[in-house]
Amino acid sequence: MRRIISFLICLLVCVSTTFAGQKTSADIKQHQQDSLPCPQTFAYAKHDTVLHLDIYQPAAAANGFTVIHIFGGGFAAGSRTNKWDVAYCRQLAAEGYRTVAIDYRLGLCGATNVGMQTIKLLENAIYIAVEDCSAAVAWLCENAATLGIDTSKVIIEGSSAGAITALMTDYARCNKLDCAAVLPPAWKPAAVIAYSGAIFSRKGKPSWNYSVPAPTLLFHGTVDKVVTYKKIELFNTGFYGSNAIVKSLKKYNLPFAIYRYTDLGHEVSVGGPLTISELNLFVKQYVTDSRKLHADITITDDSIPPSEYSKMTVRQLYKPKDKKK
């Protein structure tokens, strides 16, 4: 399992300020990326600050799909211009995907002790991120003709907090939540791809009440202590990780694929550069060929040693910074 071992080689941090100065994976084909033009930057929304997006044009062999990439950072840190995110976007472009890296507001910036005990704070951070992702989709749809975008082939993809935002944007669309109100009424993502993501719900287990969700591809470590792989519930309010999401998708016979990484933690959130072949296969089977499959893959490799990152918890993620003396 060379691909999994590489996760531990490139513990690229994207969930907090601890993760600044990320290094790109050695597996990224640098020679392909170097030939790509620099991204174009556009302003797409304005709140207390202006939000921007970068568009990476695909390689000559474009496949017609556009991927919206949403960076991670615990809703407290991160940027669309992180070195890791830039390298990954360039890799996707080299694979033929027009790739759009977006800004979004960081609702937990400066927060400490975040968890189910501070539900409203977490809920607000998720919802404003969904508002911004929805605004980015609306802007792309409005400018689709100029940009050459097929709006029926837009994929939403994210890592960690970005994965939560990706999943929640489609969840909000299907349940007509206010945070997704700016989405074009008839628009639906071609697919949702989440690396260590979850769904927040105040109405119990995930359900999609007004529309069918897009085909969903999930990657998650089974011992992730930052974004739960299982679920955390308090009465009808819960945070539902990939394992719980799949149970709901199965219940409603909805298409999905999940890669469960046994005994790995949140390092799976930065597995994008190492799982391009899985992403390509999913897009081919579930989107291009419109196959309604249930694929459940467990990846185990006992030779992988435990990592410090895999043991990180939410408490550590939002630990107050030491005051300067």
C-alpha atoms as a PDB file:
ATOM      1  CA  MET A   1       0.000   0.000   0.000  1.00  0.00           C
ATOM      2  CA  ARG A   2       2.499   2.597  -1.179  1.00  0.00           C
ATOM      3  CA  ARG A   3      -0.253   5.175  -1.468  1.00  0.00           C
ATOM      4  CA  ILE A   4      -1.146   4.986   2.230  1.00  0.00           C
ATOM      5  CA  ILE A   5       2.466   5.000   3.345  1.00  0.00           C
ATOM      6  CA  SER A   6       2.864   8.224   1.418  1.00  0.00           C
ATOM      7  CA  PHE A   7       0.238   9.783   3.688  1.00  0.00           C
ATOM      8  CA  LEU A   8       2.688   9.496   6.543  1.00  0.00           C
ATOM      9  CA  ILE A   9       5.571  10.811   4.471  1.00  0.00           C
ATOM     10  CA  CYS A  10       3.697  13.980   3.544  1.00  0.00           C
ATOM     11  CA  LEU A  11       1.787  14.888   6.682  1.00  0.00           C
ATOM     12  CA  LEU A  12       0.655  18.029   4.977  1.00  0.00           C
ATOM     13  CA  VAL A  13      -1.215  20.037   7.526  1.00  0.00           C
ATOM     14  CA  CYS A  14      -4.395  21.752   6.583  1.00  0.00           C
ATOM     15  CA  VAL A  15      -6.466  21.926   9.751  1.00  0.00           C
ATOM     16  CA  SER A  16      -4.912  24.702  11.834  1.00  0.00           C
ATOM     17  CA  THR A  17      -2.233  27.329  12.023  1.00  0.00           C
ATOM     18  CA  THR A  18       0.005  24.532  13.267  1.00  0.00           C
ATOM     19  CA  PHE A  19      -0.082  23.375   9.683  1.00  0.00           C
ATOM     20  CA  ALA A  20       1.449  26.429   8.040  1.00  0.00           C
ATOM     21  CA  GLY A  21       4.350  25.863   5.688  1.00  0.00           C
ATOM     22  CA  GLN A  22       2.948  22.724   4.108  1.00  0.00           C
ATOM     23  CA  LYS A  23       5.076  20.731   1.698  1.00  0.00           C
ATOM     24  CA  THR A  24       3.733  19.255  -1.489  1.00  0.00           C
ATOM     25  CA  SER A  25       3.680  15.510  -2.088  1.00  0.00           C
ATOM     26  CA  ALA A  26       6.594  13.989  -3.966  1.00  0.00           C
ATOM     27  CA  ASP A  27       4.009  12.058  -5.948  1.00  0.00           C
ATOM     28  CA  ILE A  28       2.739  15.206  -7.672  1.00  0.00           C
ATOM     29  CA  LYS A  29       3.934  15.290 -11.248  1.00  0.00           C
ATOM     30  CA  GLN A  30       5.759  18.581 -11.141  1.00  0.00           C
ATOM     31  CA  HIS A  31       6.754  18.600 -14.797  1.00  0.00           C
ATOM     32  CA  GLN A  32       3.088  18.535 -15.840  1.00  0.00           C
ATOM     33  CA  GLN A  33       2.159  21.320 -13.481  1.00  0.00           C
ATOM     34  CA  ASP A  34       4.999  23.592 -14.527  1.00  0.00           C
ATOM     35  CA  SER A  35       3.565  23.803 -18.034  1.00  0.00           C
ATOM     36  CA  LEU A  36       0.209  25.110 -16.803  1.00  0.00           C
ATOM     37  CA  PRO A  37      -0.565  28.844 -16.863  1.00  0.00           C
ATOM     38  CA  CYS A  38      -0.944  30.833 -13.639  1.00  0.00           C
ATOM     39  CA  PRO A  39      -4.504  30.888 -12.289  1.00  0.00           C
ATOM     40  CA  GLN A  40      -6.864  33.779 -12.941  1.00  0.00           C
ATOM     41  CA  THR A  41      -8.173  35.515  -9.819  1.00  0.00           C
ATOM     42  CA  PHE A  42     -11.678  36.966  -9.511  1.00  0.00           C
ATOM     43  CA  ALA A  43     -13.687  38.563  -6.710  1.00  0.00           C
ATOM     44  CA  TYR A  44     -16.948  36.673  -6.265  1.00  0.00           C
ATOM     45  CA  ALA A  45     -18.532  38.040  -3.070  1.00  0.00           C
ATOM     46  CA  LYS A  46     -18.201  40.817  -0.521  1.00  0.00           C
ATOM     47  CA  HIS A  47     -19.021  40.768   3.179  1.00  0.00           C
ATOM     48  CA  ASP A  48     -16.787  42.463   5.728  1.00  0.00           C
ATOM     49  CA  THR A  49     -14.054  41.445   3.333  1.00  0.00           C
ATOM     50  CA  VAL A  50     -13.881  40.610  -0.375  1.00  0.00           C
ATOM     51  CA  LEU A  51     -13.807  36.907  -1.213  1.00  0.00           C
ATOM     52  CA  HIS A  52     -11.769  35.704  -4.175  1.00  0.00           C
ATOM     53  CA  LEU A  53     -11.441  32.566  -6.239  1.00  0.00           C
ATOM     54  CA  ASP A  54      -8.616  31.312  -8.432  1.00  0.00           C
ATOM     55  CA  ILE A  55      -9.340  29.461 -11.681  1.00  0.00           C
ATOM     56  CA  TYR A  56      -6.739  26.956 -12.859  1.00  0.00           C
ATOM     57  CA  GLN A  57      -7.304  26.167 -16.514  1.00  0.00           C
ATOM     58  CA  PRO A  58      -7.068  22.469 -17.419  1.00  0.00           C
ATOM     59  CA  ALA A  59      -4.383  20.815 -19.472  1.00  0.00           C
ATOM     60  CA  ALA A  60      -4.788  20.407 -23.227  1.00  0.00           C
ATOM     61  CA  ALA A  61      -6.722  17.163 -22.652  1.00  0.00           C
ATOM     62  CA  ALA A  62      -9.560  18.872 -20.751  1.00  0.00           C
ATOM     63  CA  ASN A  63     -12.321  16.526 -19.608  1.00  0.00           C
ATOM     64  CA  GLY A  64     -15.094  19.132 -19.359  1.00  0.00           C
ATOM     65  CA  PHE A  65     -15.411  18.989 -15.568  1.00  0.00           C
ATOM     66  CA  THR A  66     -14.896  21.851 -13.142  1.00  0.00           C
ATOM     67  CA  VAL A  67     -13.788  21.076  -9.577  1.00  0.00           C
ATOM     68  CA  ILE A  68     -14.430  23.593  -6.821  1.00  0.00           C
ATOM     69  CA  HIS A  69     -11.681  22.981  -4.252  1.00  0.00           C
ATOM     70  CA  ILE A  70     -12.319  24.066  -0.646  1.00  0.00           C
ATOM     71  CA  PHE A  71      -9.295  24.258   1.648  1.00  0.00           C
ATOM     72  CA  GLY A  72      -9.190  22.925   5.213  1.00  0.00           C
ATOM     73  CA  GLY A  73      -8.230  24.653   8.432  1.00  0.00           C
ATOM     74  CA  GLY A  74     -10.834  23.856  11.086  1.00  0.00           C
ATOM     75  CA  PHE A  75     -12.866  26.925  10.014  1.00  0.00           C
ATOM     76  CA  ALA A  76     -10.172  28.839  11.898  1.00  0.00           C
ATOM     77  CA  ALA A  77      -7.220  29.001   9.521  1.00  0.00           C
ATOM     78  CA  GLY A  78      -6.105  28.176   6.000  1.00  0.00           C
ATOM     79  CA  SER A  79      -6.222  29.836   2.614  1.00  0.00           C
ATOM     80  CA  ARG A  80      -6.906  29.025  -1.015  1.00  0.00           C
ATOM     81  CA  THR A  81      -3.257  30.039  -1.619  1.00  0.00           C
ATOM     82  CA  ASN A  82      -1.702  27.534   0.804  1.00  0.00           C
ATOM     83  CA  LYS A  83       1.219  25.799  -0.905  1.00  0.00           C
ATOM     84  CA  TRP A  84      -0.435  22.401  -0.517  1.00  0.00           C
ATOM     85  CA  ASP A  85      -3.742  23.607  -1.959  1.00  0.00           C
ATOM     86  CA  VAL A  86      -2.063  25.366  -4.888  1.00  0.00           C
ATOM     87  CA  ALA A  87      -0.070  22.233  -5.730  1.00  0.00           C
ATOM     88  CA  TYR A  88      -3.172  20.051  -5.525  1.00  0.00           C
ATOM     89  CA  CYS A  89      -5.199  22.425  -7.715  1.00  0.00           C
ATOM     90  CA  ARG A  90      -2.428  22.377 -10.292  1.00  0.00           C
ATOM     91  CA  GLN A  91      -2.401  18.596 -10.155  1.00  0.00           C
ATOM     92  CA  LEU A  92      -6.141  18.448 -10.797  1.00  0.00           C
ATOM     93  CA  ALA A  93      -5.728  20.882 -13.702  1.00  0.00           C
ATOM     94  CA  ALA A  94      -2.974  18.687 -15.123  1.00  0.00           C
ATOM     95  CA  GLU A  95      -5.481  15.808 -15.001  1.00  0.00           C
ATOM     96  CA  GLY A  96      -7.879  17.804 -17.188  1.00  0.00           C
ATOM     97  CA  TYR A  97     -10.134  19.383 -14.557  1.00  0.00           C
ATOM     98  CA  ARG A  98     -10.776  23.118 -14.600  1.00  0.00           C
ATOM     99  CA  THR A  99     -10.126  23.788 -10.913  1.00  0.00           C
ATOM    100  CA  VAL A 100     -11.528  26.643  -8.850  1.00  0.00           C
ATOM    101  CA  ALA A 101      -9.995  27.345  -5.431  1.00  0.00           C
ATOM    102  CA  ILE A 102     -12.238  29.536  -3.299  1.00  0.00           C
ATOM    103  CA  ASP A 103     -11.972  31.769  -0.246  1.00  0.00           C
ATOM    104  CA  TYR A 104     -14.556  31.490   2.506  1.00  0.00           C
ATOM    105  CA  ARG A 105     -15.077  33.213   5.840  1.00  0.00           C
ATOM    106  CA  LEU A 106     -13.445  31.531   8.831  1.00  0.00           C
ATOM    107  CA  GLY A 107     -16.120  31.490  11.496  1.00  0.00           C
ATOM    108  CA  LEU A 108     -13.945  29.868  14.170  1.00  0.00           C
ATOM    109  CA  CYS A 109     -10.925  32.115  13.755  1.00  0.00           C
ATOM    110  CA  GLY A 110      -9.596  32.708  17.275  1.00  0.00           C
ATOM    111  CA  ALA A 111     -12.039  30.259  18.859  1.00  0.00           C
ATOM    112  CA  THR A 112     -11.034  27.853  21.639  1.00  0.00           C
ATOM    113  CA  ASN A 113     -12.675  24.766  23.094  1.00  0.00           C
ATOM    114  CA  VAL A 114     -14.882  24.096  20.079  1.00  0.00           C
ATOM    115  CA  GLY A 115     -17.083  20.998  20.086  1.00  0.00           C
ATOM    116  CA  MET A 116     -20.632  19.815  20.658  1.00  0.00           C
ATOM    117  CA  GLN A 117     -20.654  21.878  23.860  1.00  0.00           C
ATOM    118  CA  THR A 118     -20.458  25.013  21.698  1.00  0.00           C
ATOM    119  CA  ILE A 119     -22.885  23.892  19.012  1.00  0.00           C
ATOM    120  CA  LYS A 120     -24.081  27.325  17.941  1.00  0.00           C
ATOM    121  CA  LEU A 121     -20.543  28.557  17.308  1.00  0.00           C
ATOM    122  CA  LEU A 122     -19.717  25.513  15.177  1.00  0.00           C
ATOM    123  CA  GLU A 123     -23.053  25.672  13.357  1.00  0.00           C
ATOM    124  CA  ASN A 124     -22.531  29.322  12.456  1.00  0.00           C
ATOM    125  CA  ALA A 125     -19.011  28.638  11.123  1.00  0.00           C
ATOM    126  CA  ILE A 126     -20.305  25.817   8.922  1.00  0.00           C
ATOM    127  CA  TYR A 127     -23.265  27.796   7.650  1.00  0.00           C
ATOM    128  CA  ILE A 128     -21.294  30.891   6.633  1.00  0.00           C
ATOM    129  CA  ALA A 129     -18.813  28.644   4.810  1.00  0.00           C
ATOM    130  CA  VAL A 130     -21.757  27.061   2.962  1.00  0.00           C
ATOM    131  CA  GLU A 131     -23.088  30.538   2.148  1.00  0.00           C
ATOM    132  CA  ASP A 132     -19.741  31.434   0.599  1.00  0.00           C
ATOM    133  CA  CYS A 133     -19.423  28.166  -1.330  1.00  0.00           C
ATOM    134  CA  SER A 134     -22.976  28.682  -2.631  1.00  0.00           C
ATOM    135  CA  ALA A 135     -22.095  32.239  -3.656  1.00  0.00           C
ATOM    136  CA  ALA A 136     -19.048  30.934  -5.535  1.00  0.00           C
ATOM    137  CA  VAL A 137     -21.242  28.405  -7.373  1.00  0.00           C
ATOM    138  CA  ALA A 138     -23.740  31.143  -8.246  1.00  0.00           C
ATOM    139  CA  TRP A 139     -20.951  33.394  -9.548  1.00  0.00           C
ATOM    140  CA  LEU A 140     -19.527  30.583 -11.703  1.00  0.00           C
ATOM    141  CA  CYS A 141     -22.967  29.817 -13.112  1.00  0.00           C
ATOM    142  CA  GLU A 142     -23.580  33.498 -13.905  1.00  0.00           C
ATOM    143  CA  ASN A 143     -20.263  33.690 -15.742  1.00  0.00           C
ATOM    144  CA  ALA A 144     -20.282  30.173 -17.198  1.00  0.00           C
ATOM    145  CA  ALA A 145     -20.474  31.245 -20.841  1.00  0.00           C
ATOM    146  CA  THR A 146     -17.492  33.579 -20.522  1.00  0.00           C
ATOM    147  CA  LEU A 147     -15.449  31.052 -18.538  1.00  0.00           C
ATOM    148  CA  GLY A 148     -16.363  28.048 -20.692  1.00  0.00           C
ATOM    149  CA  ILE A 149     -17.894  26.141 -17.776  1.00  0.00           C
ATOM    150  CA  ASP A 150     -20.496  23.414 -18.223  1.00  0.00           C
ATOM    151  CA  THR A 151     -22.600  23.997 -15.095  1.00  0.00           C
ATOM    152  CA  SER A 152     -23.886  20.406 -15.188  1.00  0.00           C
ATOM    153  CA  LYS A 153     -20.313  19.181 -14.674  1.00  0.00           C
ATOM    154  CA  VAL A 154     -19.317  21.085 -11.546  1.00  0.00           C
ATOM    155  CA  ILE A 155     -17.877  18.944  -8.738  1.00  0.00           C
ATOM    156  CA  ILE A 156     -17.523  20.222  -5.160  1.00  0.00           C
ATOM    157  CA  GLU A 157     -14.461  18.856  -3.350  1.00  0.00           C
ATOM    158  CA  GLY A 158     -12.816  19.680  -0.045  1.00  0.00           C
ATOM    159  CA  SER A 159     -10.423  18.682   2.712  1.00  0.00           C
ATOM    160  CA  SER A 160     -11.341  18.600   6.427  1.00  0.00           C
ATOM    161  CA  ALA A 161     -13.328  21.808   7.056  1.00  0.00           C
ATOM    162  CA  GLY A 162     -13.490  22.101   3.277  1.00  0.00           C
ATOM    163  CA  ALA A 163     -14.921  18.583   3.091  1.00  0.00           C
ATOM    164  CA  ILE A 164     -17.563  19.501   5.655  1.00  0.00           C
ATOM    165  CA  THR A 165     -18.404  22.581   3.575  1.00  0.00           C
ATOM    166  CA  ALA A 166     -18.634  20.508   0.371  1.00  0.00           C
ATOM    167  CA  LEU A 167     -20.957  17.932   1.948  1.00  0.00           C
ATOM    168  CA  MET A 168     -23.019  20.584   3.711  1.00  0.00           C
ATOM    169  CA  THR A 169     -23.491  22.655   0.551  1.00  0.00           C
ATOM    170  CA  ASP A 170     -25.234  19.758  -1.167  1.00  0.00           C
ATOM    171  CA  TYR A 171     -27.045  18.818   2.059  1.00  0.00           C
ATOM    172  CA  ALA A 172     -28.308  22.410   2.409  1.00  0.00           C
ATOM    173  CA  ARG A 173     -29.399  22.409  -1.241  1.00  0.00           C
ATOM    174  CA  CYS A 174     -31.370  19.189  -0.796  1.00  0.00           C
ATOM    175  CA  ASN A 175     -33.033  20.433   2.406  1.00  0.00           C
ATOM    176  CA  LYS A 176     -33.639  24.025   1.274  1.00  0.00           C
ATOM    177  CA  LEU A 177     -31.602  25.574   4.080  1.00  0.00           C
ATOM    178  CA  ASP A 178     -31.217  29.342   4.015  1.00  0.00           C
ATOM    179  CA  CYS A 179     -27.420  29.142   3.814  1.00  0.00           C
ATOM    180  CA  ALA A 180     -27.704  27.712   0.281  1.00  0.00           C
ATOM    181  CA  ALA A 181     -30.461  30.053  -0.896  1.00  0.00           C
ATOM    182  CA  VAL A 182     -28.285  31.780  -3.518  1.00  0.00           C
ATOM    183  CA  LEU A 183     -27.705  28.559  -5.458  1.00  0.00           C
ATOM    184  CA  PRO A 184     -29.411  28.573  -8.874  1.00  0.00           C
ATOM    185  CA  PRO A 185     -32.774  26.807  -8.345  1.00  0.00           C
ATOM    186  CA  ALA A 186     -32.218  24.009 -10.869  1.00  0.00           C
ATOM    187  CA  TRP A 187     -28.504  23.533 -10.202  1.00  0.00           C
ATOM    188  CA  LYS A 188     -27.076  20.323  -8.762  1.00  0.00           C
ATOM    189  CA  PRO A 189     -23.405  19.366  -8.363  1.00  0.00           C
ATOM    190  CA  ALA A 190     -22.190  16.578 -10.598  1.00  0.00           C
ATOM    191  CA  ALA A 191     -20.527  15.002  -7.555  1.00  0.00           C
ATOM    192  CA  VAL A 192     -19.301  15.744  -4.042  1.00  0.00           C
ATOM    193  CA  ILE A 193     -15.858  14.562  -2.916  1.00  0.00           C
ATOM    194  CA  ALA A 194     -14.903  14.775   0.760  1.00  0.00           C
ATOM    195  CA  TYR A 195     -11.583  14.010   2.444  1.00  0.00           C
ATOM    196  CA  SER A 196     -12.384  13.580   6.163  1.00  0.00           C
ATOM    197  CA  GLY A 197     -15.729  15.354   6.123  1.00  0.00           C
ATOM    198  CA  ALA A 198     -19.007  15.277   8.043  1.00  0.00           C
ATOM    199  CA  ILE A 199     -22.583  16.576   8.001  1.00  0.00           C
ATOM    200  CA  PHE A 200     -24.060  18.733  10.778  1.00  0.00           C
ATOM    201  CA  SER A 201     -27.768  18.155  11.404  1.00  0.00           C
ATOM    202  CA  ARG A 202     -30.318  19.409  13.914  1.00  0.00           C
ATOM    203  CA  LYS A 203     -32.871  16.849  12.724  1.00  0.00           C
ATOM    204  CA  GLY A 204     -31.123  13.598  13.488  1.00  0.00           C
ATOM    205  CA  LYS A 205     -29.388  11.335  11.005  1.00  0.00           C
ATOM    206  CA  PRO A 206     -28.698  12.817   7.545  1.00  0.00           C
ATOM    207  CA  SER A 207     -31.657  12.795   5.195  1.00  0.00           C
ATOM    208  CA  TRP A 208     -32.256  14.608   1.912  1.00  0.00           C
ATOM    209  CA  ASN A 209     -35.845  15.799   1.908  1.00  0.00           C
ATOM    210  CA  TYR A 210     -36.474  17.884  -1.203  1.00  0.00           C
ATOM    211  CA  SER A 211     -33.873  16.707  -3.713  1.00  0.00           C
ATOM    212  CA  VAL A 212     -31.552  13.783  -4.358  1.00  0.00           C
ATOM    213  CA  PRO A 213     -27.929  14.415  -3.379  1.00  0.00           C
ATOM    214  CA  ALA A 214     -25.100  14.182  -5.873  1.00  0.00           C
ATOM    215  CA  PRO A 215     -23.021  11.006  -6.104  1.00  0.00           C
ATOM    216  CA  THR A 216     -20.689  11.165  -3.106  1.00  0.00           C
ATOM    217  CA  LEU A 217     -17.065  10.022  -2.753  1.00  0.00           C
ATOM    218  CA  LEU A 218     -15.726   9.804   0.806  1.00  0.00           C
ATOM    219  CA  PHE A 219     -12.234   9.230   2.213  1.00  0.00           C
ATOM    220  CA  HIS A 220     -11.837   8.889   5.988  1.00  0.00           C
ATOM    221  CA  GLY A 221      -9.489   7.471   8.611  1.00  0.00           C
ATOM    222  CA  THR A 222     -11.291   5.204  11.073  1.00  0.00           C
ATOM    223  CA  VAL A 223      -9.582   6.739  14.136  1.00  0.00           C
ATOM    224  CA  ASP A 224      -9.963  10.388  13.134  1.00  0.00           C
ATOM    225  CA  LYS A 225     -10.343  12.447  16.311  1.00  0.00           C
ATOM    226  CA  VAL A 226     -10.612  15.841  14.587  1.00  0.00           C
ATOM    227  CA  VAL A 227     -13.557  15.180  12.260  1.00  0.00           C
ATOM    228  CA  THR A 228     -15.386  12.143  13.591  1.00  0.00           C
ATOM    229  CA  TYR A 229     -15.493   9.073  11.362  1.00  0.00           C
ATOM    230  CA  LYS A 230     -18.623   7.857  13.178  1.00  0.00           C
ATOM    231  CA  LYS A 231     -21.004  10.343  14.809  1.00  0.00           C
ATOM    232  CA  ILE A 232     -21.429  12.630  17.794  1.00  0.00           C
ATOM    233  CA  GLU A 233     -25.030  13.157  18.876  1.00  0.00           C
ATOM    234  CA  LEU A 234     -26.900  15.167  21.488  1.00  0.00           C
ATOM    235  CA  PHE A 235     -30.609  14.429  21.164  1.00  0.00           C
ATOM    236  CA  ASN A 236     -31.532  15.331  17.547  1.00  0.00           C
ATOM    237  CA  THR A 237     -28.438  17.445  16.972  1.00  0.00           C
ATOM    238  CA  GLY A 238     -25.427  15.644  15.610  1.00  0.00           C
ATOM    239  CA  PHE A 239     -22.181  15.706  13.698  1.00  0.00           C
ATOM    240  CA  TYR A 240     -22.193  12.748  11.307  1.00  0.00           C
ATOM    241  CA  GLY A 241     -18.931  11.463   9.841  1.00  0.00           C
ATOM    242  CA  SER A 242     -18.391   9.343   6.755  1.00  0.00           C
ATOM    243  CA  ASN A 243     -19.460   6.075   8.378  1.00  0.00           C
ATOM    244  CA  ALA A 244     -22.797   7.567   9.446  1.00  0.00           C
ATOM    245  CA  ILE A 245     -23.286   9.324   6.098  1.00  0.00           C
ATOM    246  CA  VAL A 246     -22.841   6.044   4.238  1.00  0.00           C
ATOM    247  CA  LYS A 247     -25.465   4.374   6.439  1.00  0.00           C
ATOM    248  CA  SER A 248     -27.966   7.050   5.437  1.00  0.00           C
ATOM    249  CA  LEU A 249     -26.999   6.876   1.756  1.00  0.00           C
ATOM    250  CA  LYS A 250     -27.491   3.097   1.844  1.00  0.00           C
ATOM    251  CA  LYS A 251     -30.866   3.502   3.543  1.00  0.00           C
ATOM    252  CA  TYR A 252     -32.110   5.688   0.699  1.00  0.00           C
ATOM    253  CA  ASN A 253     -30.293   3.640  -1.976  1.00  0.00           C
ATOM    254  CA  LEU A 254     -28.204   6.621  -3.111  1.00  0.00           C
ATOM    255  CA  PRO A 255     -24.903   6.284  -5.015  1.00  0.00           C
ATOM    256  CA  PHE A 256     -21.657   6.560  -3.053  1.00  0.00           C
ATOM    257  CA  ALA A 257     -18.110   5.290  -2.755  1.00  0.00           C
ATOM    258  CA  ILE A 258     -16.152   5.270   0.501  1.00  0.00           C
ATOM    259  CA  TYR A 259     -12.508   4.510   1.236  1.00  0.00           C
ATOM    260  CA  ARG A 260     -12.075   3.606   4.910  1.00  0.00           C
ATOM    261  CA  TYR A 261      -8.449   3.836   6.071  1.00  0.00           C
ATOM    262  CA  THR A 262      -8.113   1.498   9.039  1.00  0.00           C
ATOM    263  CA  ASP A 263      -6.205   2.922  12.033  1.00  0.00           C
ATOM    264  CA  LEU A 264      -5.407   6.193  10.256  1.00  0.00           C
ATOM    265  CA  GLY A 265      -6.527   9.555  11.593  1.00  0.00           C
ATOM    266  CA  HIS A 266      -6.897  13.011  10.128  1.00  0.00           C
ATOM    267  CA  GLU A 267      -3.914  12.652   7.808  1.00  0.00           C
ATOM    268  CA  VAL A 268      -6.404  11.194   5.304  1.00  0.00           C
ATOM    269  CA  SER A 269      -7.744  14.749   4.902  1.00  0.00           C
ATOM    270  CA  VAL A 270      -4.676  15.588   2.825  1.00  0.00           C
ATOM    271  CA  GLY A 271      -4.857  12.460   0.691  1.00  0.00           C
ATOM    272  CA  GLY A 272      -6.049  14.244  -2.449  1.00  0.00           C
ATOM    273  CA  PRO A 273      -2.735  14.226  -4.342  1.00  0.00           C
ATOM    274  CA  LEU A 274      -2.378  10.495  -3.655  1.00  0.00           C
ATOM    275  CA  THR A 275      -5.873   9.409  -4.704  1.00  0.00           C
ATOM    276  CA  ILE A 276      -6.250  10.965  -8.152  1.00  0.00           C
ATOM    277  CA  SER A 277      -6.777   7.565  -9.771  1.00  0.00           C
ATOM    278  CA  GLU A 278      -9.646   6.847  -7.357  1.00  0.00           C
ATOM    279  CA  LEU A 279     -11.146  10.266  -8.091  1.00  0.00           C
ATOM    280  CA  ASN A 280     -10.879   9.721 -11.852  1.00  0.00           C
ATOM    281  CA  LEU A 281     -12.496   6.285 -11.600  1.00  0.00           C
ATOM    282  CA  PHE A 282     -15.349   7.658  -9.497  1.00  0.00           C
ATOM    283  CA  VAL A 283     -16.051  10.488 -11.954  1.00  0.00           C
ATOM    284  CA  LYS A 284     -15.977   8.050 -14.872  1.00  0.00           C
ATOM    285  CA  GLN A 285     -18.303   5.480 -13.299  1.00  0.00           C
ATOM    286  CA  TYR A 286     -20.691   7.613 -11.260  1.00  0.00           C
ATOM    287  CA  VAL A 287     -20.911  10.802 -13.323  1.00  0.00           C
ATOM    288  CA  THR A 288     -19.946  10.135 -16.947  1.00  0.00           C
ATOM    289  CA  ASP A 289     -21.490   6.645 -17.024  1.00  0.00           C
ATOM    290  CA  SER A 290     -24.284   7.541 -14.515  1.00  0.00           C
ATOM    291  CA  ARG A 291     -23.866   4.263 -12.647  1.00  0.00           C
ATOM    292  CA  LYS A 292     -25.671   4.141  -9.283  1.00  0.00           C
ATOM    293  CA  LEU A 293     -23.166   2.099  -7.347  1.00  0.00           C
ATOM    294  CA  HIS A 294     -22.410   1.388  -3.698  1.00  0.00           C
ATOM    295  CA  ALA A 295     -18.644   0.940  -3.335  1.00  0.00           C
ATOM    296  CA  ASP A 296     -17.253   0.304   0.145  1.00  0.00           C
ATOM    297  CA  ILE A 297     -13.490  -0.158   0.291  1.00  0.00           C
ATOM    298  CA  THR A 298     -11.496  -0.767   3.470  1.00  0.00           C
ATOM    299  CA  ILE A 299      -7.749  -0.233   3.242  1.00  0.00           C
ATOM    300  CA  THR A 300      -5.592  -1.825   5.917  1.00  0.00           C
ATOM    301  CA  ASP A 301      -1.814  -1.996   6.196  1.00  0.00           C
ATOM    302  CA  ASP A 302      -0.346  -3.180   9.492  1.00  0.00           C
ATOM    303  CA  SER A 303       3.110  -2.023   8.436  1.00  0.00           C
ATOM    304  CA  ILE A 304       2.102   1.619   8.818  1.00  0.00           C
ATOM    305  CA  PRO A 305       3.372   2.968  12.150  1.00  0.00           C
ATOM    306  CA  PRO A 306       1.134   5.240  14.247  1.00  0.00           C
ATOM    307  CA  SER A 307       1.668   8.937  13.655  1.00  0.00           C
ATOM    308  CA  GLU A 308       1.426  11.915  15.998  1.00  0.00           C
ATOM    309  CA  TYR A 309      -0.986  13.603  13.597  1.00  0.00           C
ATOM    310  CA  SER A 310      -3.384  10.658  13.642  1.00  0.00           C
ATOM    311  CA  LYS A 311      -3.826  11.126  17.401  1.00  0.00           C
ATOM    312  CA  MET A 312      -4.685  14.845  17.199  1.00  0.00           C
ATOM    313  CA  THR A 313      -7.944  15.778  18.893  1.00  0.00           C
ATOM    314  CA  VAL A 314     -10.372  18.686  18.587  1.00  0.00           C
ATOM    315  CA  ARG A 315      -9.169  19.965  21.981  1.00  0.00           C
ATOM    316  CA  GLN A 316      -5.609  20.161  20.645  1.00  0.00           C
ATOM    317  CA  LEU A 317      -6.748  21.785  17.409  1.00  0.00           C
ATOM    318  CA  TYR A 318      -8.381  24.720  19.166  1.00  0.00           C
ATOM    319  CA  LYS A 319      -5.923  24.909  22.069  1.00  0.00           C
ATOM    320  CA  PRO A 320      -5.275  28.541  23.063  1.00  0.00           C
ATOM    321  CA  LYS A 321      -1.946  29.874  21.909  1.00  0.00           C
ATOM    322  CA  ASP A 322       0.679  30.471  24.558  1.00  0.00           C
ATOM    323  CA  LYS A 323       0.863  34.126  25.475  1.00  0.00           C
ATOM    324  CA  LYS A 324       4.133  35.830  24.801  1.00  0.00           C
ATOM    325  CA  LYS A 325       5.971  36.743  27.946  1.00  0.00           C
END
